[in-house]
PDB file of all heavy atoms in Angstrom:
ATOM      1  N   GLY A   1       0.776  -1.218   0.000  1.00  0.00           N
ATOM      2  CA  GLY A   1       0.000   0.000   0.000  1.00  0.00           C
ATOM      3  C   GLY A   1       0.812   1.273   0.000  1.00  0.00           C
ATOM      4  O   GLY A   1       0.246   2.373   0.052  1.00  0.00           O
ATOM      5  N   GLY A   2       2.119   1.160  -0.079  1.00  0.00           N
ATOM      6  CA  GLY A   2       2.974   2.325   0.009  1.00  0.00           C
ATOM      7  C   GLY A   2       3.019   3.183  -1.238  1.00  0.00           C
ATOM      8  O   GLY A   2       3.419   4.350  -1.170  1.00  0.00           O
ATOM      9  N   ARG A   3       2.645   2.637  -2.357  1.00  0.00           N
ATOM     10  CA  ARG A   3       2.660   3.368  -3.614  1.00  0.00           C
ATOM     11  C   ARG A   3       1.309   3.244  -4.299  1.00  0.00           C
ATOM     12  O   ARG A   3       0.694   2.175  -4.281  1.00  0.00           O
ATOM     13  CB  ARG A   3       3.743   2.847  -4.547  1.00  0.00           C
ATOM     14  CG  ARG A   3       5.160   2.975  -4.008  1.00  0.00           C
ATOM     15  CD  ARG A   3       6.153   2.484  -5.042  1.00  0.00           C
ATOM     16  NE  ARG A   3       6.151   3.310  -6.234  1.00  0.00           N
ATOM     17  CZ  ARG A   3       6.487   2.887  -7.448  1.00  0.00           C
ATOM     18  NH1 ARG A   3       6.842   1.628  -7.630  1.00  0.00           N
ATOM     19  NH2 ARG A   3       6.473   3.725  -8.475  1.00  0.00           N
ATOM     20  N   THR A   4       0.866   4.334  -4.885  1.00  0.00           N
ATOM     21  CA  THR A   4      -0.380   4.338  -5.648  1.00  0.00           C
ATOM     22  C   THR A   4      -0.185   5.122  -6.932  1.00  0.00           C
ATOM     23  O   THR A   4       0.725   5.949  -7.043  1.00  0.00           O
ATOM     24  CB  THR A   4      -1.539   4.957  -4.854  1.00  0.00           C
ATOM     25  OG1 THR A   4      -1.208   6.301  -4.488  1.00  0.00           O
ATOM     26  CG2 THR A   4      -1.826   4.149  -3.596  1.00  0.00           C
ATOM     27  N   PHE A   5      -1.045   4.860  -7.886  1.00  0.00           N
ATOM     28  CA  PHE A   5      -0.999   5.556  -9.156  1.00  0.00           C
ATOM     29  C   PHE A   5      -2.407   5.624  -9.720  1.00  0.00           C
ATOM     30  O   PHE A   5      -3.176   4.666  -9.597  1.00  0.00           O
ATOM     31  CB  PHE A   5      -0.068   4.843 -10.133  1.00  0.00           C
ATOM     32  CG  PHE A   5       0.055   5.538 -11.455  1.00  0.00           C
ATOM     33  CD1 PHE A   5       0.833   6.672 -11.585  1.00  0.00           C
ATOM     34  CD2 PHE A   5      -0.612   5.055 -12.576  1.00  0.00           C
ATOM     35  CE1 PHE A   5       0.951   7.324 -12.802  1.00  0.00           C
ATOM     36  CE2 PHE A   5      -0.503   5.698 -13.796  1.00  0.00           C
ATOM     37  CZ  PHE A   5       0.284   6.835 -13.905  1.00  0.00           C
ATOM     38  N   TYR A   6      -2.732   6.752 -10.359  1.00  0.00           N
ATOM     39  CA  TYR A   6      -4.069   6.976 -10.875  1.00  0.00           C
ATOM     40  C   TYR A   6      -4.039   7.472 -12.309  1.00  0.00           C
ATOM     41  O   TYR A   6      -3.109   8.179 -12.711  1.00  0.00           O
ATOM     42  CB  TYR A   6      -4.810   8.028 -10.048  1.00  0.00           C
ATOM     43  CG  TYR A   6      -4.915   7.705  -8.585  1.00  0.00           C
ATOM     44  CD1 TYR A   6      -3.923   8.097  -7.688  1.00  0.00           C
ATOM     45  CD2 TYR A   6      -6.008   7.008  -8.087  1.00  0.00           C
ATOM     46  CE1 TYR A   6      -4.017   7.800  -6.343  1.00  0.00           C
ATOM     47  CE2 TYR A   6      -6.113   6.712  -6.743  1.00  0.00           C
ATOM     48  CZ  TYR A   6      -5.113   7.111  -5.875  1.00  0.00           C
ATOM     49  OH  TYR A   6      -5.207   6.819  -4.542  1.00  0.00           O
ATOM     50  N   LEU A   7      -5.064   7.130 -13.042  1.00  0.00           N
ATOM     51  CA  LEU A   7      -5.281   7.753 -14.327  1.00  0.00           C
ATOM     52  C   LEU A   7      -5.489   9.242 -14.079  1.00  0.00           C
ATOM     53  O   LEU A   7      -6.086   9.640 -13.076  1.00  0.00           O
ATOM     54  CB  LEU A   7      -6.506   7.147 -15.003  1.00  0.00           C
ATOM     55  CG  LEU A   7      -6.767   7.499 -16.463  1.00  0.00           C
ATOM     56  CD1 LEU A   7      -5.692   6.907 -17.356  1.00  0.00           C
ATOM     57  CD2 LEU A   7      -8.142   6.995 -16.881  1.00  0.00           C
ATOM     58  N   ASP A   8      -4.998  10.072 -14.987  1.00  0.00           N
ATOM     59  CA  ASP A   8      -5.038  11.519 -14.779  1.00  0.00           C
ATOM     60  C   ASP A   8      -6.433  12.036 -14.453  1.00  0.00           C
ATOM     61  O   ASP A   8      -6.597  12.916 -13.603  1.00  0.00           O
ATOM     62  CB  ASP A   8      -4.497  12.242 -16.015  1.00  0.00           C
ATOM     63  CG  ASP A   8      -2.991  12.164 -16.129  1.00  0.00           C
ATOM     64  OD1 ASP A   8      -2.333  11.821 -15.131  1.00  0.00           O
ATOM     65  OD2 ASP A   8      -2.465  12.452 -17.219  1.00  0.00           O
ATOM     66  N   SER A   9      -7.442  11.511 -15.121  1.00  0.00           N
ATOM     67  CA  SER A   9      -8.796  11.994 -14.901  1.00  0.00           C
ATOM     68  C   SER A   9      -9.344  11.644 -13.522  1.00  0.00           C
ATOM     69  O   SER A   9     -10.356  12.196 -13.105  1.00  0.00           O
ATOM     70  CB  SER A   9      -9.732  11.447 -15.981  1.00  0.00           C
ATOM     71  OG  SER A   9      -9.802  10.034 -15.941  1.00  0.00           O
ATOM     72  N   MET A  10      -8.683  10.741 -12.820  1.00  0.00           N
ATOM     73  CA  MET A  10      -9.123  10.325 -11.496  1.00  0.00           C
ATOM     74  C   MET A  10      -8.417  11.062 -10.363  1.00  0.00           C
ATOM     75  O   MET A  10      -8.906  11.071  -9.229  1.00  0.00           O
ATOM     76  CB  MET A  10      -8.889   8.827 -11.286  1.00  0.00           C
ATOM     77  CG  MET A  10      -9.210   7.945 -12.469  1.00  0.00           C
ATOM     78  SD  MET A  10     -10.940   8.059 -12.965  1.00  0.00           S
ATOM     79  CE  MET A  10     -10.902   6.959 -14.390  1.00  0.00           C
ATOM     80  N   LYS A  11      -7.277  11.631 -10.659  1.00  0.00           N
ATOM     81  CA  LYS A  11      -6.468  12.263  -9.625  1.00  0.00           C
ATOM     82  C   LYS A  11      -7.247  13.363  -8.916  1.00  0.00           C
ATOM     83  O   LYS A  11      -7.874  14.202  -9.540  1.00  0.00           O
ATOM     84  CB  LYS A  11      -5.183  12.836 -10.222  1.00  0.00           C
ATOM     85  CG  LYS A  11      -4.219  11.781 -10.714  1.00  0.00           C
ATOM     86  CD  LYS A  11      -2.958  12.405 -11.303  1.00  0.00           C
ATOM     87  CE  LYS A  11      -2.000  11.340 -11.789  1.00  0.00           C
ATOM     88  NZ  LYS A  11      -0.789  11.933 -12.411  1.00  0.00           N
ATOM     89  N   GLY A  12      -7.206  13.324  -7.589  1.00  0.00           N
ATOM     90  CA  GLY A  12      -7.914  14.306  -6.793  1.00  0.00           C
ATOM     91  C   GLY A  12      -9.346  13.935  -6.499  1.00  0.00           C
ATOM     92  O   GLY A  12      -9.973  14.552  -5.637  1.00  0.00           O
ATOM     93  N   ARG A  13      -9.885  12.950  -7.192  1.00  0.00           N
ATOM     94  CA  ARG A  13     -11.259  12.509  -6.977  1.00  0.00           C
ATOM     95  C   ARG A  13     -11.342  11.089  -6.429  1.00  0.00           C
ATOM     96  O   ARG A  13     -12.193  10.793  -5.603  1.00  0.00           O
ATOM     97  CB  ARG A  13     -12.059  12.583  -8.277  1.00  0.00           C
ATOM     98  CG  ARG A  13     -12.152  13.975  -8.870  1.00  0.00           C
ATOM     99  CD  ARG A  13     -13.193  14.017  -9.988  1.00  0.00           C
ATOM    100  NE  ARG A  13     -12.863  13.110 -11.082  1.00  0.00           N
ATOM    101  CZ  ARG A  13     -13.644  12.120 -11.509  1.00  0.00           C
ATOM    102  NH1 ARG A  13     -14.823  11.912 -10.928  1.00  0.00           N
ATOM    103  NH2 ARG A  13     -13.270  11.351 -12.526  1.00  0.00           N
ATOM    104  N   PHE A  14     -10.472  10.225  -6.915  1.00  0.00           N
ATOM    105  CA  PHE A  14     -10.499   8.822  -6.518  1.00  0.00           C
ATOM    106  C   PHE A  14      -9.312   8.504  -5.620  1.00  0.00           C
ATOM    107  O   PHE A  14      -8.224   9.055  -5.791  1.00  0.00           O
ATOM    108  CB  PHE A  14     -10.433   7.906  -7.734  1.00  0.00           C
ATOM    109  CG  PHE A  14     -11.666   7.895  -8.592  1.00  0.00           C
ATOM    110  CD1 PHE A  14     -12.690   8.808  -8.403  1.00  0.00           C
ATOM    111  CD2 PHE A  14     -11.797   6.958  -9.610  1.00  0.00           C
ATOM    112  CE1 PHE A  14     -13.831   8.798  -9.198  1.00  0.00           C
ATOM    113  CE2 PHE A  14     -12.927   6.931 -10.410  1.00  0.00           C
ATOM    114  CZ  PHE A  14     -13.937   7.847 -10.207  1.00  0.00           C
ATOM    115  N   THR A  15      -9.526   7.596  -4.682  1.00  0.00           N
ATOM    116  CA  THR A  15      -8.465   7.141  -3.802  1.00  0.00           C
ATOM    117  C   THR A  15      -8.511   5.625  -3.682  1.00  0.00           C
ATOM    118  O   THR A  15      -9.535   5.065  -3.297  1.00  0.00           O
ATOM    119  CB  THR A  15      -8.585   7.759  -2.397  1.00  0.00           C
ATOM    120  OG1 THR A  15      -8.555   9.181  -2.487  1.00  0.00           O
ATOM    121  CG2 THR A  15      -7.424   7.296  -1.521  1.00  0.00           C
ATOM    122  N   ILE A  16      -7.413   4.982  -4.016  1.00  0.00           N
ATOM    123  CA  ILE A  16      -7.305   3.542  -3.853  1.00  0.00           C
ATOM    124  C   ILE A  16      -6.604   3.253  -2.529  1.00  0.00           C
ATOM    125  O   ILE A  16      -5.657   3.942  -2.158  1.00  0.00           O
ATOM    126  CB  ILE A  16      -6.550   2.899  -5.035  1.00  0.00           C
ATOM    127  CG1 ILE A  16      -6.595   1.370  -4.940  1.00  0.00           C
ATOM    128  CG2 ILE A  16      -5.115   3.406  -5.126  1.00  0.00           C
ATOM    129  CD1 ILE A  16      -6.041   0.671  -6.181  1.00  0.00           C
ATOM    130  N   SER A  17      -7.086   2.257  -1.826  1.00  0.00           N
ATOM    131  CA  SER A  17      -6.474   1.871  -0.564  1.00  0.00           C
ATOM    132  C   SER A  17      -6.702   0.384  -0.341  1.00  0.00           C
ATOM    133  O   SER A  17      -7.503  -0.243  -1.031  1.00  0.00           O
ATOM    134  CB  SER A  17      -7.044   2.689   0.600  1.00  0.00           C
ATOM    135  OG  SER A  17      -8.432   2.461   0.760  1.00  0.00           O
ATOM    136  N   ARG A  18      -6.004  -0.165   0.623  1.00  0.00           N
ATOM    137  CA  ARG A  18      -6.181  -1.571   0.935  1.00  0.00           C
ATOM    138  C   ARG A  18      -6.052  -1.794   2.429  1.00  0.00           C
ATOM    139  O   ARG A  18      -5.326  -1.087   3.128  1.00  0.00           O
ATOM    140  CB  ARG A  18      -5.166  -2.440   0.170  1.00  0.00           C
ATOM    141  CG  ARG A  18      -3.712  -2.198   0.550  1.00  0.00           C
ATOM    142  CD  ARG A  18      -2.765  -2.880  -0.443  1.00  0.00           C
ATOM    143  NE  ARG A  18      -2.940  -4.322  -0.472  1.00  0.00           N
ATOM    144  CZ  ARG A  18      -2.498  -5.113  -1.448  1.00  0.00           C
ATOM    145  NH1 ARG A  18      -1.872  -4.585  -2.495  1.00  0.00           N
ATOM    146  NH2 ARG A  18      -2.696  -6.425  -1.378  1.00  0.00           N
ATOM    147  N   ASP A  19      -6.774  -2.778   2.906  1.00  0.00           N
ATOM    148  CA  ASP A  19      -6.698  -3.204   4.289  1.00  0.00           C
ATOM    149  C   ASP A  19      -6.362  -4.685   4.253  1.00  0.00           C
ATOM    150  O   ASP A  19      -7.240  -5.528   4.096  1.00  0.00           O
ATOM    151  CB  ASP A  19      -8.011  -2.948   5.022  1.00  0.00           C
ATOM    152  CG  ASP A  19      -7.922  -3.239   6.511  1.00  0.00           C
ATOM    153  OD1 ASP A  19      -7.017  -3.989   6.926  1.00  0.00           O
ATOM    154  OD2 ASP A  19      -8.757  -2.715   7.266  1.00  0.00           O
ATOM    155  N   ASN A  20      -5.095  -4.983   4.372  1.00  0.00           N
ATOM    156  CA  ASN A  20      -4.665  -6.372   4.249  1.00  0.00           C
ATOM    157  C   ASN A  20      -5.215  -7.252   5.364  1.00  0.00           C
ATOM    158  O   ASN A  20      -5.411  -8.451   5.169  1.00  0.00           O
ATOM    159  CB  ASN A  20      -3.139  -6.443   4.216  1.00  0.00           C
ATOM    160  CG  ASN A  20      -2.565  -5.950   2.905  1.00  0.00           C
ATOM    161  OD1 ASN A  20      -3.297  -5.696   1.947  1.00  0.00           O
ATOM    162  ND2 ASN A  20      -1.247  -5.810   2.845  1.00  0.00           N
ATOM    163  N   ALA A  21      -5.461  -6.673   6.532  1.00  0.00           N
ATOM    164  CA  ALA A  21      -6.020  -7.438   7.636  1.00  0.00           C
ATOM    165  C   ALA A  21      -7.434  -7.913   7.320  1.00  0.00           C
ATOM    166  O   ALA A  21      -7.877  -8.943   7.827  1.00  0.00           O
ATOM    167  CB  ALA A  21      -6.022  -6.609   8.914  1.00  0.00           C
ATOM    168  N   LYS A  22      -8.151  -7.159   6.488  1.00  0.00           N
ATOM    169  CA  LYS A  22      -9.508  -7.515   6.093  1.00  0.00           C
ATOM    170  C   LYS A  22      -9.570  -8.127   4.701  1.00  0.00           C
ATOM    171  O   LYS A  22     -10.658  -8.407   4.197  1.00  0.00           O
ATOM    172  CB  LYS A  22     -10.414  -6.291   6.144  1.00  0.00           C
ATOM    173  CG  LYS A  22     -10.587  -5.699   7.531  1.00  0.00           C
ATOM    174  CD  LYS A  22     -11.527  -4.508   7.502  1.00  0.00           C
ATOM    175  CE  LYS A  22     -11.744  -3.932   8.887  1.00  0.00           C
ATOM    176  NZ  LYS A  22     -12.656  -2.761   8.865  1.00  0.00           N
ATOM    177  N   ASN A  23      -8.427  -8.304   4.082  1.00  0.00           N
ATOM    178  CA  ASN A  23      -8.363  -8.854   2.724  1.00  0.00           C
ATOM    179  C   ASN A  23      -9.242  -8.066   1.761  1.00  0.00           C
ATOM    180  O   ASN A  23      -9.936  -8.644   0.914  1.00  0.00           O
ATOM    181  CB  ASN A  23      -8.769 -10.323   2.710  1.00  0.00           C
ATOM    182  CG  ASN A  23      -7.802 -11.203   3.459  1.00  0.00           C
ATOM    183  OD1 ASN A  23      -6.612 -10.900   3.557  1.00  0.00           O
ATOM    184  ND2 ASN A  23      -8.303 -12.314   3.977  1.00  0.00           N
ATOM    185  N   THR A  24      -9.198  -6.756   1.874  1.00  0.00           N
ATOM    186  CA  THR A  24     -10.108  -5.917   1.110  1.00  0.00           C
ATOM    187  C   THR A  24      -9.385  -4.754   0.453  1.00  0.00           C
ATOM    188  O   THR A  24      -8.548  -4.097   1.072  1.00  0.00           O
ATOM    189  CB  THR A  24     -11.240  -5.380   1.993  1.00  0.00           C
ATOM    190  OG1 THR A  24     -11.932  -6.482   2.587  1.00  0.00           O
ATOM    191  CG2 THR A  24     -12.227  -4.572   1.169  1.00  0.00           C
ATOM    192  N   LEU A  25      -9.734  -4.510  -0.790  1.00  0.00           N
ATOM    193  CA  LEU A  25      -9.281  -3.367  -1.558  1.00  0.00           C
ATOM    194  C   LEU A  25     -10.435  -2.387  -1.677  1.00  0.00           C
ATOM    195  O   LEU A  25     -11.589  -2.800  -1.815  1.00  0.00           O
ATOM    196  CB  LEU A  25      -8.834  -3.823  -2.948  1.00  0.00           C
ATOM    197  CG  LEU A  25      -8.430  -2.742  -3.946  1.00  0.00           C
ATOM    198  CD1 LEU A  25      -7.057  -2.195  -3.591  1.00  0.00           C
ATOM    199  CD2 LEU A  25      -8.450  -3.305  -5.367  1.00  0.00           C
ATOM    200  N   TYR A  26     -10.129  -1.098  -1.650  1.00  0.00           N
ATOM    201  CA  TYR A  26     -11.160  -0.073  -1.731  1.00  0.00           C
ATOM    202  C   TYR A  26     -10.867   0.916  -2.844  1.00  0.00           C
ATOM    203  O   TYR A  26      -9.717   1.144  -3.218  1.00  0.00           O
ATOM    204  CB  TYR A  26     -11.263   0.708  -0.421  1.00  0.00           C
ATOM    205  CG  TYR A  26     -11.573  -0.133   0.787  1.00  0.00           C
ATOM    206  CD1 TYR A  26     -10.556  -0.541   1.647  1.00  0.00           C
ATOM    207  CD2 TYR A  26     -12.877  -0.517   1.074  1.00  0.00           C
ATOM    208  CE1 TYR A  26     -10.836  -1.311   2.761  1.00  0.00           C
ATOM    209  CE2 TYR A  26     -13.162  -1.288   2.180  1.00  0.00           C
ATOM    210  CZ  TYR A  26     -12.139  -1.680   3.021  1.00  0.00           C
ATOM    211  OH  TYR A  26     -12.419  -2.447   4.128  1.00  0.00           O
ATOM    212  N   LEU A  27     -11.933   1.513  -3.342  1.00  0.00           N
ATOM    213  CA  LEU A  27     -11.817   2.653  -4.229  1.00  0.00           C
ATOM    214  C   LEU A  27     -12.838   3.686  -3.774  1.00  0.00           C
ATOM    215  O   LEU A  27     -14.044   3.495  -3.962  1.00  0.00           O
ATOM    216  CB  LEU A  27     -12.063   2.268  -5.692  1.00  0.00           C
ATOM    217  CG  LEU A  27     -11.885   3.412  -6.692  1.00  0.00           C
ATOM    218  CD1 LEU A  27     -10.414   3.839  -6.762  1.00  0.00           C
ATOM    219  CD2 LEU A  27     -12.384   3.009  -8.078  1.00  0.00           C
ATOM    220  N   GLN A  28     -12.358   4.751  -3.164  1.00  0.00           N
ATOM    221  CA  GLN A  28     -13.215   5.852  -2.762  1.00  0.00           C
ATOM    222  C   GLN A  28     -13.355   6.793  -3.948  1.00  0.00           C
ATOM    223  O   GLN A  28     -12.352   7.299  -4.456  1.00  0.00           O
ATOM    224  CB  GLN A  28     -12.625   6.591  -1.566  1.00  0.00           C
ATOM    225  CG  GLN A  28     -13.441   7.787  -1.104  1.00  0.00           C
ATOM    226  CD  GLN A  28     -14.789   7.404  -0.556  1.00  0.00           C
ATOM    227  OE1 GLN A  28     -14.890   6.483   0.256  1.00  0.00           O
ATOM    228  NE2 GLN A  28     -15.841   8.082  -0.998  1.00  0.00           N
ATOM    229  N   MET A  29     -14.572   7.029  -4.371  1.00  0.00           N
ATOM    230  CA  MET A  29     -14.836   7.866  -5.524  1.00  0.00           C
ATOM    231  C   MET A  29     -15.658   9.068  -5.097  1.00  0.00           C
ATOM    232  O   MET A  29     -16.779   8.920  -4.610  1.00  0.00           O
ATOM    233  CB  MET A  29     -15.577   7.080  -6.607  1.00  0.00           C
ATOM    234  CG  MET A  29     -14.849   5.817  -7.047  1.00  0.00           C
ATOM    235  SD  MET A  29     -15.667   4.986  -8.439  1.00  0.00           S
ATOM    236  CE  MET A  29     -17.192   4.492  -7.635  1.00  0.00           C
ATOM    237  N   ASN A  30     -15.101  10.242  -5.272  1.00  0.00           N
ATOM    238  CA  ASN A  30     -15.769  11.491  -4.935  1.00  0.00           C
ATOM    239  C   ASN A  30     -15.962  12.332  -6.183  1.00  0.00           C
ATOM    240  O   ASN A  30     -15.317  12.110  -7.199  1.00  0.00           O
ATOM    241  CB  ASN A  30     -14.952  12.269  -3.904  1.00  0.00           C
ATOM    242  CG  ASN A  30     -14.762  11.529  -2.607  1.00  0.00           C
ATOM    243  OD1 ASN A  30     -15.652  10.818  -2.154  1.00  0.00           O
ATOM    244  ND2 ASN A  30     -13.593  11.700  -1.991  1.00  0.00           N
ATOM    245  N   SER A  31     -16.831  13.313  -6.077  1.00  0.00           N
ATOM    246  CA  SER A  31     -17.099  14.229  -7.190  1.00  0.00           C
ATOM    247  C   SER A  31     -17.362  13.465  -8.472  1.00  0.00           C
ATOM    248  O   SER A  31     -16.807  13.771  -9.532  1.00  0.00           O
ATOM    249  CB  SER A  31     -15.926  15.197  -7.367  1.00  0.00           C
ATOM    250  OG  SER A  31     -15.699  15.949  -6.190  1.00  0.00           O
ATOM    251  N   LEU A  32     -18.211  12.493  -8.387  1.00  0.00           N
ATOM    252  CA  LEU A  32     -18.476  11.634  -9.534  1.00  0.00           C
ATOM    253  C   LEU A  32     -19.126  12.399 -10.674  1.00  0.00           C
ATOM    254  O   LEU A  32     -19.929  13.310 -10.461  1.00  0.00           O
ATOM    255  CB  LEU A  32     -19.358  10.466  -9.116  1.00  0.00           C
ATOM    256  CG  LEU A  32     -18.623   9.377  -8.330  1.00  0.00           C
ATOM    257  CD1 LEU A  32     -19.613   8.469  -7.620  1.00  0.00           C
ATOM    258  CD2 LEU A  32     -17.732   8.567  -9.268  1.00  0.00           C
ATOM    259  N   LYS A  33     -18.766  11.997 -11.869  1.00  0.00           N
ATOM    260  CA  LYS A  33     -19.266  12.605 -13.090  1.00  0.00           C
ATOM    261  C   LYS A  33     -19.985  11.557 -13.926  1.00  0.00           C
ATOM    262  O   LYS A  33     -19.692  10.364 -13.808  1.00  0.00           O
ATOM    263  CB  LYS A  33     -18.109  13.191 -13.902  1.00  0.00           C
ATOM    264  CG  LYS A  33     -17.231  14.163 -13.144  1.00  0.00           C
ATOM    265  CD  LYS A  33     -16.026  14.561 -13.977  1.00  0.00           C
ATOM    266  CE  LYS A  33     -15.115  15.506 -13.217  1.00  0.00           C
ATOM    267  NZ  LYS A  33     -13.924  15.881 -14.023  1.00  0.00           N
ATOM    268  N   PRO A  34     -20.903  11.969 -14.776  1.00  0.00           N
ATOM    269  CA  PRO A  34     -21.588  10.997 -15.634  1.00  0.00           C
ATOM    270  C   PRO A  34     -20.627  10.130 -16.436  1.00  0.00           C
ATOM    271  O   PRO A  34     -20.912   8.951 -16.664  1.00  0.00           O
ATOM    272  CB  PRO A  34     -22.446  11.878 -16.543  1.00  0.00           C
ATOM    273  CG  PRO A  34     -22.760  13.066 -15.695  1.00  0.00           C
ATOM    274  CD  PRO A  34     -21.491  13.324 -14.921  1.00  0.00           C
ATOM    275  N   GLU A  35     -19.501  10.685 -16.841  1.00  0.00           N
ATOM    276  CA  GLU A  35     -18.538   9.920 -17.608  1.00  0.00           C
ATOM    277  C   GLU A  35     -17.821   8.849 -16.788  1.00  0.00           C
ATOM    278  O   GLU A  35     -17.077   8.038 -17.341  1.00  0.00           O
ATOM    279  CB  GLU A  35     -17.504  10.836 -18.283  1.00  0.00           C
ATOM    280  CG  GLU A  35     -16.840  11.819 -17.332  1.00  0.00           C
ATOM    281  CD  GLU A  35     -17.492  13.191 -17.369  1.00  0.00           C
ATOM    282  OE1 GLU A  35     -18.736  13.251 -17.399  1.00  0.00           O
ATOM    283  OE2 GLU A  35     -16.759  14.203 -17.370  1.00  0.00           O
ATOM    284  N   ASP A  36     -18.036   8.837 -15.479  1.00  0.00           N
ATOM    285  CA  ASP A  36     -17.503   7.774 -14.632  1.00  0.00           C
ATOM    286  C   ASP A  36     -18.374   6.526 -14.675  1.00  0.00           C
ATOM    287  O   ASP A  36     -17.992   5.494 -14.110  1.00  0.00           O
ATOM    288  CB  ASP A  36     -17.381   8.249 -13.180  1.00  0.00           C
ATOM    289  CG  ASP A  36     -16.348   9.347 -13.001  1.00  0.00           C
ATOM    290  OD1 ASP A  36     -15.285   9.278 -13.639  1.00  0.00           O
ATOM    291  OD2 ASP A  36     -16.611  10.277 -12.215  1.00  0.00           O
ATOM    292  N   THR A  37     -19.513   6.617 -15.307  1.00  0.00           N
ATOM    293  CA  THR A  37     -20.416   5.477 -15.406  1.00  0.00           C
ATOM    294  C   THR A  37     -19.725   4.321 -16.122  1.00  0.00           C
ATOM    295  O   THR A  37     -19.237   4.467 -17.242  1.00  0.00           O
ATOM    296  CB  THR A  37     -21.695   5.867 -16.152  1.00  0.00           C
ATOM    297  OG1 THR A  37     -22.412   6.841 -15.390  1.00  0.00           O
ATOM    298  CG2 THR A  37     -22.586   4.653 -16.369  1.00  0.00           C
ATOM    299  N   ALA A  38     -19.671   3.179 -15.470  1.00  0.00           N
ATOM    300  CA  ALA A  38     -18.991   2.013 -16.026  1.00  0.00           C
ATOM    301  C   ALA A  38     -19.135   0.849 -15.062  1.00  0.00           C
ATOM    302  O   ALA A  38     -19.587   1.008 -13.925  1.00  0.00           O
ATOM    303  CB  ALA A  38     -17.502   2.312 -16.250  1.00  0.00           C
ATOM    304  N   VAL A  39     -18.743  -0.318 -15.528  1.00  0.00           N
ATOM    305  CA  VAL A  39     -18.561  -1.452 -14.639  1.00  0.00           C
ATOM    306  C   VAL A  39     -17.134  -1.388 -14.123  1.00  0.00           C
ATOM    307  O   VAL A  39     -16.189  -1.284 -14.905  1.00  0.00           O
ATOM    308  CB  VAL A  39     -18.811  -2.789 -15.359  1.00  0.00           C
ATOM    309  CG1 VAL A  39     -18.521  -3.958 -14.420  1.00  0.00           C
ATOM    310  CG2 VAL A  39     -20.247  -2.856 -15.859  1.00  0.00           C
TER     311      VAL A  39
END
């Protein structure tokens, strides 16, 4: 979890993180835009 990288359009809006104790990866998405619509 020490290094992260984002697509330019996501920088400042999205945050990737992980909790290894919970075996879980997260993506916090803020300021969502219609163009973020996707699977």
